[in-house]
């Protein structure tokens, strides 16, 4: 399937503009049933993206965080679908630290094959097509192709972790890694850090949802990295329960296996 990436880029920028319009106001923060925060920016972005995708690609269903109530007996028959997080990092949005994103992924079967992550406050865009092995970043500095970094065994491992969602047991896990350096990031920026070669791996033991990770997984994969569960298996989507289990994102599957990281992470989560 051939996608119009110019359309997708314009769409996330339109959603980002709506988010920033709310960002500059004294917005109200509500709570969803799971106690996670919700703002007018989330709902505006959701409506823009969902309506535009359905109009442009009427044969591809849309599953969004703010429209998550599609029953599994319907979803299970989807060959492909859009998986959307209209505002990833709402906690960062509320803190006004700029580390929030707009995420769109195209999932085929159970695998994300296209990923778009947009950072509104920086007007920075990450786009990837796993099928073509292409990942690129677009900013005011131009457009550049992205590749993950080669891990240097002589240097401390660069570990990116969530700024606002501490994972139980993560500090204990990191204590088992003799030489490492921590990088704190919000939202899907953690995936972008691995894809840009700024971080070597991103372990996550705490809960996430499928819309939190799909676009980031596509971007890391297209840049040459991997995202796997703690048994080293590929991470899959459109499960009956949309809640994710633990995972590790890395620039190198070979390094994960040879370093013992997967074995240590698996023991930690048992």
Protein backbone atom coordinates (compact mmCIF):
# COMPACT_ATOMS: atom_id res chain seq x y z
CA UNK A 1 0.00 0.00 0.00
CA UNK A 2 1.33 3.43 -1.01
CA UNK A 3 0.73 6.20 1.52
CA UNK A 4 0.79 9.95 1.07
CA UNK A 5 3.45 10.98 3.57
CA UNK A 6 2.98 14.66 2.73
CA UNK A 7 -0.65 14.30 3.80
CA UNK A 8 0.37 12.56 7.05
CA UNK A 9 2.99 15.22 7.80
CA UNK A 10 0.46 17.99 7.24
CA UNK A 11 -2.07 16.14 9.41
CA UNK A 12 0.15 15.82 12.49
CA UNK A 13 1.18 19.45 12.11
CA UNK A 14 -2.49 20.46 12.02
CA UNK A 15 -3.11 18.42 15.17
CA UNK A 16 0.00 19.94 16.75
CA UNK A 17 -1.24 23.45 16.01
CA UNK A 18 -4.54 22.67 17.77
CA UNK A 19 -2.61 21.29 20.75
CA UNK A 20 -0.44 24.40 21.02
CA UNK A 21 -3.51 26.64 20.93
CA UNK A 22 -4.68 24.93 24.12
CA UNK A 23 -1.13 24.79 25.55
CA UNK A 24 -1.03 28.58 25.69
CA UNK A 25 -4.20 28.84 27.79
CA UNK A 26 -5.22 28.07 31.37
CA UNK A 27 -6.68 24.74 30.29
CA UNK A 28 -8.72 22.42 32.48
CA UNK A 29 -7.47 18.94 33.38
CA UNK A 30 -10.05 16.15 33.66
CA UNK A 31 -9.61 12.50 34.60
CA UNK A 32 -10.53 9.43 32.57
CA UNK A 33 -11.84 6.22 34.09
CA UNK A 34 -8.30 4.92 34.57
CA UNK A 35 -7.39 8.20 36.38
CA UNK A 36 -5.08 9.33 33.57
CA UNK A 37 -5.31 13.04 32.68
CA UNK A 38 -7.35 14.39 29.77
CA UNK A 39 -7.36 17.91 28.33
CA UNK A 40 -9.11 19.76 25.53
CA UNK A 41 -5.89 19.35 23.53
CA UNK A 42 -6.26 15.54 23.60
CA UNK A 43 -9.82 15.63 22.30
CA UNK A 44 -9.21 18.29 19.65
CA UNK A 45 -6.21 16.44 18.28
CA UNK A 46 -8.14 13.16 18.27
CA UNK A 47 -11.00 14.61 16.27
CA UNK A 48 -8.72 16.23 13.68
CA UNK A 49 -6.71 13.05 13.12
CA UNK A 50 -9.58 10.55 13.21
CA UNK A 51 -11.80 12.56 10.86
CA UNK A 52 -8.99 13.24 8.38
CA UNK A 53 -7.72 9.66 8.27
CA UNK A 54 -11.23 8.28 7.75
CA UNK A 55 -11.89 10.77 4.95
CA UNK A 56 -8.57 10.12 3.17
CA UNK A 57 -8.39 6.35 3.78
CA UNK A 58 -12.01 5.20 4.24
CA UNK A 59 -11.08 1.51 4.02
CA UNK A 60 -8.62 1.67 6.93
CA UNK A 61 -10.16 1.71 10.43
CA UNK A 62 -8.85 4.06 13.12
CA UNK A 63 -8.12 3.05 16.71
CA UNK A 64 -7.26 6.04 18.91
CA UNK A 65 -6.60 6.44 22.61
CA UNK A 66 -9.54 8.84 22.80
CA UNK A 67 -11.79 6.48 20.81
CA UNK A 68 -10.61 3.19 22.21
CA UNK A 69 -14.00 1.52 22.60
CA UNK A 70 -13.81 -0.74 19.53
CA UNK A 71 -14.70 -4.26 20.56
CA UNK A 72 -12.17 -7.02 19.95
CA UNK A 73 -14.67 -9.11 17.99
CA UNK A 74 -14.58 -6.28 15.43
CA UNK A 75 -10.87 -5.44 15.64
CA UNK A 76 -9.73 -9.02 15.30
CA UNK A 77 -10.81 -9.02 11.65
CA UNK A 78 -8.78 -5.95 10.69
CA UNK A 79 -5.97 -6.58 8.20
CA UNK A 80 -4.58 -3.11 8.79
CA UNK A 81 -5.53 -0.11 10.89
CA UNK A 82 -4.35 3.26 12.08
CA UNK A 83 -3.25 3.33 15.73
CA UNK A 84 -3.25 6.87 17.11
CA UNK A 85 -2.18 8.65 20.26
CA UNK A 86 -3.42 12.20 19.62
CA UNK A 87 -1.41 13.60 22.54
CA UNK A 88 1.25 11.32 23.98
CA UNK A 89 2.71 12.69 27.19
CA UNK A 90 -0.28 14.52 28.62
CA UNK A 91 1.56 14.73 31.96
CA UNK A 92 4.41 16.56 30.22
CA UNK A 93 1.85 18.80 28.50
CA UNK A 94 0.36 19.69 31.88
CA UNK A 95 3.84 20.37 33.29
CA UNK A 96 4.50 22.56 30.22
CA UNK A 97 7.96 21.08 29.63
CA UNK A 98 7.39 20.56 25.89
CA UNK A 99 8.04 16.80 25.91
CA UNK A 100 4.79 15.67 24.31
CA UNK A 101 4.07 14.29 20.87
CA UNK A 102 1.44 13.35 18.30
CA UNK A 103 1.75 9.67 17.31
CA UNK A 104 0.27 7.86 14.31
CA UNK A 105 1.12 4.30 13.28
CA UNK A 106 -0.14 2.04 10.53
CA UNK A 107 -0.37 -1.54 11.77
CA UNK A 108 -0.51 -4.40 9.26
CA UNK A 109 -1.43 -7.75 10.75
CA UNK A 110 0.03 -7.38 14.21
CA UNK A 111 3.07 -5.25 13.31
CA UNK A 112 3.54 -1.46 12.98
CA UNK A 113 4.89 -0.77 9.49
CA UNK A 114 4.61 3.03 9.39
CA UNK A 115 5.26 5.47 12.22
CA UNK A 116 4.88 9.24 12.54
CA UNK A 117 5.86 11.15 15.68
CA UNK A 118 5.53 14.93 15.79
CA UNK A 119 6.88 17.25 18.51
CA UNK A 120 4.70 20.39 18.32
CA UNK A 121 6.82 22.76 20.41
CA UNK A 122 9.89 22.04 18.24
CA UNK A 123 8.09 21.58 14.91
CA UNK A 124 10.14 18.38 14.60
CA UNK A 125 8.83 15.36 12.76
CA UNK A 126 9.93 11.72 12.68
CA UNK A 127 8.60 9.47 9.92
CA UNK A 128 9.36 5.85 9.12
CA UNK A 129 8.34 3.14 6.66
CA UNK A 130 9.57 -0.22 7.93
CA UNK A 131 8.75 -1.86 4.59
CA UNK A 132 11.26 0.42 2.87
CA UNK A 133 13.75 0.47 5.75
CA UNK A 134 13.49 4.26 5.75
CA UNK A 135 13.47 6.52 8.79
CA UNK A 136 13.95 10.25 8.65
CA UNK A 137 13.70 13.39 10.74
CA UNK A 138 12.37 16.69 9.43
CA UNK A 139 13.06 19.95 11.24
CA UNK A 140 14.04 23.54 10.58
CA UNK A 141 17.55 22.19 9.91
CA UNK A 142 16.25 20.14 7.00
CA UNK A 143 15.65 16.44 6.44
CA UNK A 144 18.03 13.69 7.46
CA UNK A 145 18.04 9.92 7.42
CA UNK A 146 18.23 8.24 10.83
CA UNK A 147 20.14 5.17 11.92
CA UNK A 148 20.63 3.72 15.39
CA UNK A 149 24.08 3.95 16.95
CA UNK A 150 26.56 1.13 17.25
CA UNK A 151 27.04 0.33 20.93
CA UNK A 152 30.62 0.94 22.05
CA UNK A 153 31.57 -1.60 24.76
CA UNK A 154 34.24 0.81 26.03
CA UNK A 155 31.65 3.49 26.86
CA UNK A 156 28.84 3.58 29.46
CA UNK A 157 25.57 2.28 28.05
CA UNK A 158 23.12 5.12 27.46
CA UNK A 159 19.75 4.21 28.98
CA UNK A 160 16.69 6.34 28.27
CA UNK A 161 13.85 6.19 30.77
CA UNK A 162 10.51 7.85 31.37
CA UNK A 163 10.54 11.26 33.00
CA UNK A 164 7.07 11.03 34.58
CA UNK A 165 6.26 7.31 34.73
CA UNK A 166 8.80 5.60 36.99
CA UNK A 167 8.90 1.86 36.40
CA UNK A 168 8.85 -0.37 39.50
CA UNK A 169 12.15 -2.19 39.79
CA UNK A 170 13.93 -0.14 37.13
CA UNK A 171 16.59 1.23 39.49
CA UNK A 172 17.27 -2.25 40.79
CA UNK A 173 17.58 -3.52 37.22
CA UNK A 174 19.94 -0.71 36.25
CA UNK A 175 22.11 -1.46 39.29
CA UNK A 176 22.94 -4.77 37.62
CA UNK A 177 24.44 -2.91 34.65
CA UNK A 178 27.94 -1.91 35.77
CA UNK A 179 28.45 1.14 33.56
CA UNK A 180 25.54 3.22 32.30
CA UNK A 181 24.32 6.77 31.87
CA UNK A 182 20.69 7.81 32.37
CA UNK A 183 18.77 10.00 29.93
CA UNK A 184 15.32 11.17 31.05
CA UNK A 185 12.71 11.81 28.38
CA UNK A 186 8.94 12.19 28.23
CA UNK A 187 6.42 10.57 25.89
CA UNK A 188 7.53 8.89 22.65
CA UNK A 189 10.74 10.94 22.64
CA UNK A 190 12.41 7.90 24.22
CA UNK A 191 11.96 5.96 20.98
CA UNK A 192 13.25 8.92 18.99
CA UNK A 193 16.37 9.07 21.17
CA UNK A 194 17.22 5.46 20.25
CA UNK A 195 16.45 6.03 16.56
CA UNK A 196 18.65 9.16 16.49
CA UNK A 197 21.57 7.30 18.07
CA UNK A 198 21.38 9.35 21.29
CA UNK A 199 20.49 6.35 23.48
CA UNK A 200 21.37 2.65 23.34
CA UNK A 201 18.33 1.12 24.97
CA UNK A 202 15.01 1.83 26.64
CA UNK A 203 13.68 -0.71 29.16
CA UNK A 204 10.06 -0.50 30.27
CA UNK A 205 8.60 -2.76 32.94
CA UNK A 206 5.52 -0.68 33.79
CA UNK A 207 2.26 -0.52 31.84
CA UNK A 208 1.78 1.22 28.51
CA UNK A 209 -0.92 0.99 25.87
CA UNK A 210 -0.58 -0.04 22.24
CA UNK A 211 -1.06 3.54 21.00
CA UNK A 212 1.81 4.66 23.25
CA UNK A 213 4.36 2.46 21.48
CA UNK A 214 3.33 1.57 17.91
CA UNK A 215 4.67 4.65 16.11
CA UNK A 216 7.87 4.56 18.16
CA UNK A 217 8.40 0.89 17.41
CA UNK A 218 8.08 1.52 13.67
CA UNK A 219 10.57 4.40 13.85
CA UNK A 220 13.16 2.43 15.85
CA UNK A 221 12.76 -0.64 13.62
CA UNK A 222 13.14 1.36 10.40
CA UNK A 223 16.26 2.99 11.86
CA UNK A 224 17.81 -0.45 12.40
CA UNK A 225 16.85 -1.15 16.02
CA UNK A 226 14.49 -3.60 17.72
CA UNK A 227 11.63 -3.67 20.20
CA UNK A 228 11.02 -7.01 21.91
CA UNK A 229 9.35 -8.49 24.95
CA UNK A 230 11.51 -9.82 27.78
CA UNK A 231 11.81 -13.20 26.04
CA UNK A 232 13.26 -11.55 22.96
CA UNK A 233 10.11 -12.04 20.88
CA UNK A 234 8.81 -9.33 18.54
CA UNK A 235 6.28 -7.00 20.13
CA UNK A 236 2.78 -7.45 18.65
CA UNK A 237 -0.39 -5.39 18.41
CA UNK A 238 -4.19 -5.62 18.18
CA UNK A 239 -4.31 -7.92 21.17
CA UNK A 240 -7.61 -8.61 22.91
CA UNK A 241 -6.30 -6.50 25.79
CA UNK A 242 -4.67 -3.35 24.44
CA UNK A 243 -2.50 -3.00 27.53
CA UNK A 244 1.18 -3.74 26.79
CA UNK A 245 3.46 -5.96 28.78
CA UNK A 246 7.12 -5.16 29.58
CA UNK A 247 9.50 -4.50 26.70
CA UNK A 248 12.98 -3.40 25.76
CA UNK A 249 13.89 -1.12 22.86
CA UNK A 250 17.49 -1.31 21.70
CA UNK A 251 19.75 -0.40 18.84
CA UNK A 252 21.03 -3.99 18.70
CA UNK A 253 19.38 -7.37 19.25
CA UNK A 254 22.81 -8.99 19.24
CA UNK A 255 23.93 -6.72 22.08
CA UNK A 256 20.77 -7.46 24.09
CA UNK A 257 21.48 -11.17 23.88
CA UNK A 258 25.25 -11.10 24.39
CA UNK A 259 25.19 -8.57 27.24
CA UNK A 260 22.75 -10.61 29.31
CA UNK A 261 20.30 -7.68 29.41
CA UNK A 262 17.34 -9.79 28.32
CA UNK A 263 18.11 -12.48 30.87
CA UNK A 264 18.42 -9.92 33.68
CA UNK A 265 15.21 -8.15 32.64
CA UNK A 266 13.32 -11.41 32.46
CA UNK A 267 14.41 -12.35 35.99
CA UNK A 268 13.40 -8.91 37.27
CA UNK A 269 9.87 -9.20 35.90
CA UNK A 270 9.29 -12.79 37.06
